[in-house]
Amino acid sequence: MSGIGALSKSTGCHIETIRYYEKIGLLPPALRSTGGHRIYTEKHRSRLIFIRQNRELGFPLDDIRELIALAADADRPCADALSVVKKHLAEVESKVAKLQQIRIELLSMAGTCESTCLGKLLYGRLPKLNGVVMLTYR
């Protein structure tokens, strides 16, 4: 058992985030010491690591809540969890396609800028400074 500070350090999750996850029910309520301090068990730590890993994968909190519920209910088929994962995968693939299109546009813009700037060089007027040829732009 550990306090919130130790849980935060061991999971890399901010203290306020831990409190928030507890408040919205993603993390079960902590036990309380006689002084009223939160006390967390290994079960809390495992759940928090699960939440954090899925957040890093981009899952929204509602989907993580559903995955937690699915994991807790042995009678629910694995296909239900697969459905949540496939839905998220489709969203990620859509974002990747959009990002690839943005990349193409940015490369095109960069190419236009480079060719325009290079076209403005005045190769006939190359002043020398200490024997080094300097390029002049207009």
C-alpha atoms as a PDB file:
ATOM      1  CA  MET A   1       0.000   0.000   0.000  1.00  0.00           C
ATOM      2  CA  SER A   2       1.187   3.500  -0.778  1.00  0.00           C
ATOM      3  CA  GLY A   3       0.163   7.121  -0.710  1.00  0.00           C
ATOM      4  CA  ILE A   4      -0.762   9.216  -3.706  1.00  0.00           C
ATOM      5  CA  GLY A   5       2.775  10.611  -4.099  1.00  0.00           C
ATOM      6  CA  ALA A   6       4.331   7.154  -4.315  1.00  0.00           C
ATOM      7  CA  LEU A   7       1.611   6.016  -6.729  1.00  0.00           C
ATOM      8  CA  SER A   8       2.278   9.059  -8.872  1.00  0.00           C
ATOM      9  CA  LYS A   9       6.015   8.348  -8.986  1.00  0.00           C
ATOM     10  CA  SER A  10       5.608   4.649  -9.734  1.00  0.00           C
ATOM     11  CA  THR A  11       3.161   5.212 -12.602  1.00  0.00           C
ATOM     12  CA  GLY A  12       4.313   8.559 -13.995  1.00  0.00           C
ATOM     13  CA  CYS A  13       0.802   9.915 -13.546  1.00  0.00           C
ATOM     14  CA  HIS A  14       0.269  13.368 -12.006  1.00  0.00           C
ATOM     15  CA  ILE A  15      -1.387  13.512  -8.587  1.00  0.00           C
ATOM     16  CA  GLU A  16      -4.262  15.661  -9.889  1.00  0.00           C
ATOM     17  CA  THR A  17      -4.861  13.161 -12.701  1.00  0.00           C
ATOM     18  CA  ILE A  18      -5.053  10.316 -10.185  1.00  0.00           C
ATOM     19  CA  ARG A  19      -7.614  12.277  -8.164  1.00  0.00           C
ATOM     20  CA  TYR A  20      -9.566  13.035 -11.345  1.00  0.00           C
ATOM     21  CA  TYR A  21      -9.645   9.384 -12.449  1.00  0.00           C
ATOM     22  CA  GLU A  22     -10.871   8.472  -8.981  1.00  0.00           C
ATOM     23  CA  LYS A  23     -13.524  11.214  -9.100  1.00  0.00           C
ATOM     24  CA  ILE A  24     -14.934  10.057 -12.466  1.00  0.00           C
ATOM     25  CA  GLY A  25     -14.857   6.391 -11.459  1.00  0.00           C
ATOM     26  CA  LEU A  26     -12.058   5.098 -13.699  1.00  0.00           C
ATOM     27  CA  LEU A  27      -9.998   4.377 -10.607  1.00  0.00           C
ATOM     28  CA  PRO A  28     -11.713   2.760  -7.608  1.00  0.00           C
ATOM     29  CA  PRO A  29     -11.893   4.948  -4.504  1.00  0.00           C
ATOM     30  CA  ALA A  30      -8.745   4.858  -2.426  1.00  0.00           C
ATOM     31  CA  LEU A  31      -8.715   3.519   1.079  1.00  0.00           C
ATOM     32  CA  ARG A  32      -8.272   6.186   3.754  1.00  0.00           C
ATOM     33  CA  SER A  33      -5.824   6.318   6.618  1.00  0.00           C
ATOM     34  CA  THR A  34      -6.985   7.365  10.073  1.00  0.00           C
ATOM     35  CA  GLY A  35      -5.669  10.814   9.147  1.00  0.00           C
ATOM     36  CA  GLY A  36      -7.794  10.881   5.985  1.00  0.00           C
ATOM     37  CA  HIS A  37      -4.940  10.398   3.511  1.00  0.00           C
ATOM     38  CA  ARG A  38      -5.513   8.276   0.429  1.00  0.00           C
ATOM     39  CA  ILE A  39      -3.965   4.812   0.478  1.00  0.00           C
ATOM     40  CA  TYR A  40      -3.594   2.886  -2.766  1.00  0.00           C
ATOM     41  CA  THR A  41      -3.076  -0.819  -3.355  1.00  0.00           C
ATOM     42  CA  GLU A  42      -1.371  -2.754  -6.141  1.00  0.00           C
ATOM     43  CA  LYS A  43      -4.814  -3.055  -7.763  1.00  0.00           C
ATOM     44  CA  HIS A  44      -4.981   0.748  -8.029  1.00  0.00           C
ATOM     45  CA  ARG A  45      -1.465   0.839  -9.469  1.00  0.00           C
ATOM     46  CA  SER A  46      -2.270  -1.815 -12.100  1.00  0.00           C
ATOM     47  CA  ARG A  47      -5.481  -0.027 -13.096  1.00  0.00           C
ATOM     48  CA  LEU A  48      -3.680   3.303 -13.361  1.00  0.00           C
ATOM     49  CA  ILE A  49      -0.966   1.780 -15.563  1.00  0.00           C
ATOM     50  CA  PHE A  50      -3.692   0.283 -17.788  1.00  0.00           C
ATOM     51  CA  ILE A  51      -5.415   3.672 -18.074  1.00  0.00           C
ATOM     52  CA  ARG A  52      -2.169   5.478 -18.814  1.00  0.00           C
ATOM     53  CA  GLN A  53      -1.074   2.982 -21.480  1.00  0.00           C
ATOM     54  CA  ASN A  54      -4.413   3.273 -23.233  1.00  0.00           C
ATOM     55  CA  ARG A  55      -4.345   7.079 -23.029  1.00  0.00           C
ATOM     56  CA  GLU A  56      -0.914   6.975 -24.682  1.00  0.00           C
ATOM     57  CA  LEU A  57      -2.512   4.921 -27.471  1.00  0.00           C
ATOM     58  CA  GLY A  58      -5.049   7.720 -27.866  1.00  0.00           C
ATOM     59  CA  PHE A  59      -8.114   5.989 -26.449  1.00  0.00           C
ATOM     60  CA  PRO A  60     -10.717   8.401 -25.079  1.00  0.00           C
ATOM     61  CA  LEU A  61     -11.659   7.972 -21.420  1.00  0.00           C
ATOM     62  CA  ASP A  62     -15.099   6.564 -22.300  1.00  0.00           C
ATOM     63  CA  ASP A  63     -13.492   3.783 -24.357  1.00  0.00           C
ATOM     64  CA  ILE A  64     -11.063   3.054 -21.525  1.00  0.00           C
ATOM     65  CA  ARG A  65     -14.018   2.842 -19.136  1.00  0.00           C
ATOM     66  CA  GLU A  66     -15.633   0.321 -21.480  1.00  0.00           C
ATOM     67  CA  LEU A  67     -12.423  -1.731 -21.753  1.00  0.00           C
ATOM     68  CA  ILE A  68     -12.165  -1.795 -17.945  1.00  0.00           C
ATOM     69  CA  ALA A  69     -15.780  -2.991 -17.687  1.00  0.00           C
ATOM     70  CA  LEU A  70     -15.151  -5.654 -20.331  1.00  0.00           C
ATOM     71  CA  ALA A  71     -12.052  -6.898 -18.511  1.00  0.00           C
ATOM     72  CA  ALA A  72     -13.990  -7.122 -15.242  1.00  0.00           C
ATOM     73  CA  ASP A  73     -16.832  -9.168 -16.743  1.00  0.00           C
ATOM     74  CA  ALA A  74     -15.636 -12.655 -17.701  1.00  0.00           C
ATOM     75  CA  ASP A  75     -18.999 -13.390 -19.351  1.00  0.00           C
ATOM     76  CA  ARG A  76     -18.591 -10.639 -21.956  1.00  0.00           C
ATOM     77  CA  PRO A  77     -17.070 -11.903 -25.190  1.00  0.00           C
ATOM     78  CA  CYS A  78     -13.635 -10.809 -26.305  1.00  0.00           C
ATOM     79  CA  ALA A  79     -15.294  -9.593 -29.509  1.00  0.00           C
ATOM     80  CA  ASP A  80     -16.717  -6.653 -27.538  1.00  0.00           C
ATOM     81  CA  ALA A  81     -13.216  -5.461 -26.636  1.00  0.00           C
ATOM     82  CA  LEU A  82     -12.076  -6.096 -30.196  1.00  0.00           C
ATOM     83  CA  SER A  83     -14.898  -3.869 -31.413  1.00  0.00           C
ATOM     84  CA  VAL A  84     -13.678  -0.983 -29.217  1.00  0.00           C
ATOM     85  CA  VAL A  85     -10.112  -1.469 -30.449  1.00  0.00           C
ATOM     86  CA  LYS A  86     -11.127  -1.686 -34.123  1.00  0.00           C
ATOM     87  CA  LYS A  87     -13.220   1.480 -33.814  1.00  0.00           C
ATOM     88  CA  HIS A  88     -10.218   3.334 -32.408  1.00  0.00           C
ATOM     89  CA  LEU A  89      -7.930   1.862 -35.067  1.00  0.00           C
ATOM     90  CA  ALA A  90     -10.250   3.176 -37.799  1.00  0.00           C
ATOM     91  CA  GLU A  91     -10.103   6.648 -36.235  1.00  0.00           C
ATOM     92  CA  VAL A  92      -6.298   6.505 -36.080  1.00  0.00           C
ATOM     93  CA  GLU A  93      -6.063   5.371 -39.711  1.00  0.00           C
ATOM     94  CA  SER A  94      -8.294   8.281 -40.749  1.00  0.00           C
ATOM     95  CA  LYS A  95      -6.046  10.723 -38.880  1.00  0.00           C
ATOM     96  CA  VAL A  96      -2.940   9.193 -40.482  1.00  0.00           C
ATOM     97  CA  ALA A  97      -4.465   9.647 -43.950  1.00  0.00           C
ATOM     98  CA  LYS A  98      -5.230  13.298 -43.172  1.00  0.00           C
ATOM     99  CA  LEU A  99      -1.710  13.838 -41.827  1.00  0.00           C
ATOM    100  CA  GLN A 100      -0.215  12.274 -44.960  1.00  0.00           C
ATOM    101  CA  GLN A 101      -2.213  14.709 -47.090  1.00  0.00           C
ATOM    102  CA  ILE A 102      -1.010  17.619 -44.938  1.00  0.00           C
ATOM    103  CA  ARG A 103       2.569  16.370 -45.357  1.00  0.00           C
ATOM    104  CA  ILE A 104       2.196  16.347 -49.144  1.00  0.00           C
ATOM    105  CA  GLU A 105       0.859  19.914 -49.078  1.00  0.00           C
ATOM    106  CA  LEU A 106       3.688  21.106 -46.824  1.00  0.00           C
ATOM    107  CA  LEU A 107       6.324  19.473 -49.037  1.00  0.00           C
ATOM    108  CA  SER A 108       4.779  21.208 -52.026  1.00  0.00           C
ATOM    109  CA  MET A 109       4.825  24.552 -50.207  1.00  0.00           C
ATOM    110  CA  ALA A 110       8.439  24.047 -49.151  1.00  0.00           C
ATOM    111  CA  GLY A 111       9.429  23.179 -52.720  1.00  0.00           C
ATOM    112  CA  THR A 112       7.719  26.306 -54.029  1.00  0.00           C
ATOM    113  CA  CYS A 113       9.483  28.482 -51.453  1.00  0.00           C
ATOM    114  CA  GLU A 114      12.876  26.949 -52.220  1.00  0.00           C
ATOM    115  CA  SER A 115      12.541  27.333 -55.991  1.00  0.00           C
ATOM    116  CA  THR A 116      11.258  30.903 -55.678  1.00  0.00           C
ATOM    117  CA  CYS A 117      14.071  31.959 -53.334  1.00  0.00           C
ATOM    118  CA  LEU A 118      16.747  30.257 -55.439  1.00  0.00           C
ATOM    119  CA  GLY A 119      15.387  32.011 -58.515  1.00  0.00           C
ATOM    120  CA  LYS A 120      16.022  35.366 -56.855  1.00  0.00           C
ATOM    121  CA  LEU A 121      19.757  34.774 -56.456  1.00  0.00           C
ATOM    122  CA  LEU A 122      21.875  37.114 -58.479  1.00  0.00           C
ATOM    123  CA  TYR A 123      24.713  34.878 -59.537  1.00  0.00           C
ATOM    124  CA  GLY A 124      26.297  37.709 -61.562  1.00  0.00           C
ATOM    125  CA  ARG A 125      26.878  39.727 -58.390  1.00  0.00           C
ATOM    126  CA  LEU A 126      28.778  37.493 -56.003  1.00  0.00           C
ATOM    127  CA  PRO A 127      30.764  39.731 -53.643  1.00  0.00           C
ATOM    128  CA  LYS A 128      33.804  38.247 -51.940  1.00  0.00           C
ATOM    129  CA  LEU A 129      34.514  38.598 -48.249  1.00  0.00           C
ATOM    130  CA  ASN A 130      37.915  37.283 -47.188  1.00  0.00           C
ATOM    131  CA  GLY A 131      38.033  35.102 -50.284  1.00  0.00           C
ATOM    132  CA  VAL A 132      34.598  33.530 -49.571  1.00  0.00           C
ATOM    133  CA  VAL A 133      31.928  34.008 -52.194  1.00  0.00           C
ATOM    134  CA  MET A 134      28.760  35.501 -50.668  1.00  0.00           C
ATOM    135  CA  LEU A 135      25.357  35.025 -52.263  1.00  0.00           C
ATOM    136  CA  THR A 136      23.246  38.152 -52.617  1.00  0.00           C
ATOM    137  CA  TYR A 137      19.436  38.110 -52.454  1.00  0.00           C
ATOM    138  CA  ARG A 138      17.137  40.833 -53.765  1.00  0.00           C
END
